[in-house]
Amino acid sequence: MNRIGRPLLNYLIKGLLIVVPVALSIFIVVWAVTTVDSWVNVNSVLGVDPRTGESRNIPGLGLLTVLLIILIAGIFVTNFVTEPMYNWFHRILNRLPLINFIYGSIKDLTEAFVGDEKKFNHPVLVEVEGGMKKIGFLTQPDLNKLELPDEVAVYFPLSYSFAGQLCIVRRERVRDLHISAADAMKLVVSGGVSGL
């Protein structure tokens, strides 16, 4: 029985390693598409199927509509919005307390990943208490405005999460990692199992 049971268990584990990531990826994509479709509800524009009486539904039409709107907004801003118009828009937003806070936070986070000045592009290794080391991203190399001339700001993403924490550490405890930012993020978010 051991000759049959061990290979079967081995096949089961290898099958799980293939099926689970693929199934979860498909589930997340389907969930995202159906969620956006339900939010946008573009399918109701198509009317009702005369044979069944149900509204016509084209999966992904809502997501496609959102992507099209984002693309058109990008083209419009790139080709028609001038610097003074852009600055005027930001001055208006700065006068609205709650909206300014929400918009500013989301804008900074978005620009940290996809903007011209990506913030998570400097992976570092930081020595913490007990000789332990953590992988993070240097986000502010100069903290003189906070009266901390010998300190830097390092963001530590959490494994299996999109959350993280920002820590202020002594500059001499920070060492550059000579890997790409994408590999460092993959290494941390995966709990150390991928990215190298």
Protein backbone atom coordinates (compact mmCIF):
# COMPACT_ATOMS: atom_id res chain seq x y z
CA MET A 1 0.00 0.00 0.00
CA ASN A 2 2.90 2.33 0.78
CA ARG A 3 4.18 1.89 -2.81
CA ILE A 4 0.84 3.16 -4.13
CA GLY A 5 -0.05 5.67 -1.38
CA ARG A 6 3.17 7.71 -1.49
CA PRO A 7 3.06 8.40 -5.27
CA LEU A 8 -0.65 9.20 -5.06
CA LEU A 9 0.01 11.69 -2.25
CA ASN A 10 2.88 13.17 -4.28
CA TYR A 11 0.60 13.56 -7.34
CA LEU A 12 -2.10 15.12 -5.16
CA ILE A 13 0.32 17.71 -3.76
CA LYS A 14 1.71 18.55 -7.21
CA GLY A 15 -1.83 18.82 -8.56
CA LEU A 16 -2.75 21.23 -5.76
CA LEU A 17 0.30 23.36 -6.56
CA ILE A 18 -0.94 23.70 -10.14
CA VAL A 19 -4.71 23.88 -9.67
CA VAL A 20 -4.98 26.22 -6.66
CA PRO A 21 -3.04 29.21 -8.12
CA VAL A 22 -4.77 28.85 -11.50
CA ALA A 23 -8.23 28.48 -9.92
CA LEU A 24 -7.69 31.43 -7.57
CA SER A 25 -6.41 33.60 -10.43
CA ILE A 26 -9.44 32.73 -12.57
CA PHE A 27 -11.76 33.31 -9.60
CA ILE A 28 -10.26 36.74 -8.89
CA VAL A 29 -10.51 37.80 -12.56
CA VAL A 30 -14.12 36.56 -12.85
CA TRP A 31 -15.02 38.22 -9.54
CA ALA A 32 -13.46 41.53 -10.65
CA VAL A 33 -15.24 41.46 -14.02
CA THR A 34 -18.65 40.58 -12.57
CA THR A 35 -18.28 43.12 -9.77
CA VAL A 36 -17.42 45.94 -12.16
CA ASP A 37 -20.21 44.80 -14.50
CA SER A 38 -22.73 44.97 -11.65
CA TRP A 39 -21.47 48.41 -10.58
CA VAL A 40 -21.59 49.89 -14.07
CA ASN A 41 -24.67 47.94 -15.24
CA VAL A 42 -24.03 48.78 -18.89
CA ASN A 43 -25.77 45.57 -19.88
CA SER A 44 -29.18 47.08 -19.12
CA VAL A 45 -28.67 49.42 -22.10
CA LEU A 46 -28.82 46.37 -24.38
CA GLY A 47 -32.44 45.87 -23.45
CA VAL A 48 -34.40 42.70 -22.76
CA ASP A 49 -34.22 39.44 -24.65
CA PRO A 50 -37.71 39.07 -26.21
CA ARG A 51 -37.62 35.26 -25.98
CA THR A 52 -36.73 34.93 -22.27
CA GLY A 53 -37.71 38.32 -20.84
CA GLU A 54 -34.29 38.64 -19.11
CA SER A 55 -31.93 41.53 -19.59
CA ARG A 56 -29.16 40.85 -22.09
CA ASN A 57 -25.80 40.39 -20.49
CA ILE A 58 -22.39 40.49 -22.12
CA PRO A 59 -19.77 39.46 -19.52
CA GLY A 60 -16.92 41.95 -19.30
CA LEU A 61 -18.77 44.82 -20.99
CA GLY A 62 -18.73 46.86 -17.77
CA LEU A 63 -14.99 46.30 -17.27
CA LEU A 64 -14.34 47.15 -20.91
CA THR A 65 -16.37 50.35 -20.48
CA VAL A 66 -14.36 51.36 -17.39
CA LEU A 67 -11.06 50.71 -19.21
CA LEU A 68 -12.29 52.72 -22.20
CA ILE A 69 -13.25 55.66 -19.94
CA ILE A 70 -9.80 55.56 -18.28
CA LEU A 71 -8.10 55.46 -21.70
CA ILE A 72 -10.17 58.40 -23.00
CA ALA A 73 -9.42 60.37 -19.81
CA GLY A 74 -5.70 59.72 -20.29
CA ILE A 75 -5.80 60.85 -23.91
CA PHE A 76 -7.81 63.95 -22.96
CA VAL A 77 -5.50 64.96 -20.09
CA THR A 78 -2.36 64.33 -22.17
CA ASN A 79 -3.48 66.27 -25.24
CA PHE A 80 -5.89 68.96 -24.04
CA VAL A 81 -5.27 69.83 -20.38
CA THR A 82 -2.58 72.45 -19.91
CA GLU A 83 -0.38 72.95 -16.84
CA PRO A 84 -2.35 76.01 -15.61
CA MET A 85 -5.64 74.06 -15.87
CA TYR A 86 -4.10 71.14 -13.97
CA ASN A 87 -2.78 73.46 -11.23
CA TRP A 88 -6.16 75.22 -10.99
CA PHE A 89 -7.89 71.84 -10.52
CA HIS A 90 -5.47 70.94 -7.70
CA ARG A 91 -5.95 74.34 -5.99
CA ILE A 92 -9.72 73.74 -5.99
CA LEU A 93 -9.25 70.26 -4.49
CA ASN A 94 -6.89 71.63 -1.82
CA ARG A 95 -9.69 73.87 -0.54
CA LEU A 96 -12.05 70.93 0.05
CA PRO A 97 -10.86 69.37 3.34
CA LEU A 98 -12.24 65.82 3.23
CA ILE A 99 -12.03 65.39 -0.54
CA ASN A 100 -8.47 66.77 -0.54
CA PHE A 101 -7.41 64.18 2.04
CA ILE A 102 -9.01 61.24 0.21
CA TYR A 103 -7.95 62.38 -3.27
CA GLY A 104 -4.40 63.20 -2.14
CA SER A 105 -3.93 59.83 -0.42
CA ILE A 106 -5.24 57.84 -3.38
CA LYS A 107 -3.24 59.94 -5.87
CA ASP A 108 -0.01 59.48 -3.88
CA LEU A 109 -0.57 55.74 -3.57
CA THR A 110 -1.36 55.39 -7.29
CA GLU A 111 1.71 57.42 -8.27
CA ALA A 112 3.86 55.32 -5.94
CA PHE A 113 3.21 52.32 -8.20
CA VAL A 114 2.58 53.70 -11.71
CA GLY A 115 3.48 57.39 -11.77
CA ASP A 116 6.54 59.11 -13.20
CA GLU A 117 8.09 59.21 -9.73
CA LYS A 118 7.56 55.65 -8.54
CA LYS A 119 8.21 55.48 -4.79
CA PHE A 120 8.68 51.72 -4.37
CA ASN A 121 11.70 51.42 -6.65
CA HIS A 122 14.53 51.36 -4.08
CA PRO A 123 14.58 47.99 -2.26
CA VAL A 124 16.68 47.89 0.92
CA LEU A 125 17.60 45.47 3.68
CA VAL A 126 17.21 46.87 7.20
CA GLU A 127 18.76 45.41 10.32
CA VAL A 128 16.18 45.42 13.09
CA GLU A 129 16.26 44.30 16.72
CA GLY A 130 17.95 41.04 17.59
CA GLY A 131 20.07 40.92 14.44
CA MET A 132 16.98 40.24 12.31
CA LYS A 133 16.76 41.81 8.87
CA LYS A 134 13.67 43.02 6.96
CA ILE A 135 13.22 43.84 3.29
CA GLY A 136 11.62 47.18 2.59
CA PHE A 137 11.60 50.13 0.22
CA LEU A 138 13.39 53.42 0.88
CA THR A 139 10.68 56.06 0.38
CA GLN A 140 12.30 59.16 1.91
CA PRO A 141 16.12 59.32 2.00
CA ASP A 142 16.15 62.76 3.65
CA LEU A 143 14.14 63.57 6.80
CA ASN A 144 15.69 66.94 7.66
CA LYS A 145 12.21 68.55 7.56
CA LEU A 146 11.28 66.31 10.51
CA GLU A 147 14.56 67.26 12.25
CA LEU A 148 15.85 63.71 11.81
CA PRO A 149 19.04 64.25 9.78
CA ASP A 150 20.46 60.74 10.31
CA GLU A 151 17.21 58.88 9.66
CA VAL A 152 15.39 57.62 6.57
CA ALA A 153 11.84 56.39 5.90
CA VAL A 154 11.48 52.75 4.89
CA TYR A 155 8.19 51.11 3.91
CA PHE A 156 7.82 47.45 4.86
CA PRO A 157 5.06 45.66 2.91
CA LEU A 158 3.40 42.75 4.70
CA SER A 159 3.37 39.22 3.32
CA TYR A 160 0.15 38.03 1.63
CA SER A 161 -1.35 41.50 2.00
CA PHE A 162 -1.44 44.90 0.36
CA ALA A 163 -0.90 46.56 3.73
CA GLY A 164 2.41 47.54 5.23
CA GLN A 165 4.06 49.82 7.74
CA LEU A 166 6.33 52.81 7.50
CA CYS A 167 9.30 52.88 9.88
CA ILE A 168 11.91 55.52 10.55
CA VAL A 169 15.31 53.88 10.94
CA ARG A 170 18.91 54.95 11.36
CA ARG A 171 20.62 55.41 8.00
CA GLU A 172 23.51 53.08 8.87
CA ARG A 173 21.08 50.18 9.41
CA VAL A 174 19.87 50.41 5.79
CA ARG A 175 21.66 48.57 3.01
CA ASP A 176 20.73 48.59 -0.69
CA LEU A 177 19.50 45.35 -2.23
CA HIS A 178 20.80 44.73 -5.71
CA ILE A 179 17.60 43.24 -7.10
CA SER A 180 14.74 44.85 -8.99
CA ALA A 181 11.92 46.53 -7.07
CA ALA A 182 9.42 44.08 -8.62
CA ASP A 183 11.43 41.07 -7.42
CA ALA A 184 11.78 42.57 -3.93
CA MET A 185 8.03 43.23 -3.70
CA LYS A 186 7.26 39.73 -4.98
CA LEU A 187 9.65 38.24 -2.41
CA VAL A 188 8.07 40.11 0.51
CA VAL A 189 4.41 39.78 -0.49
CA SER A 190 4.81 36.05 -1.17
CA GLY A 191 6.30 35.49 2.28
CA GLY A 192 9.73 34.78 0.79
CA VAL A 193 8.72 31.97 -1.54
CA SER A 194 8.99 33.78 -4.90
CA GLY A 195 10.91 36.62 -6.47
CA LEU A 196 14.45 35.24 -6.42
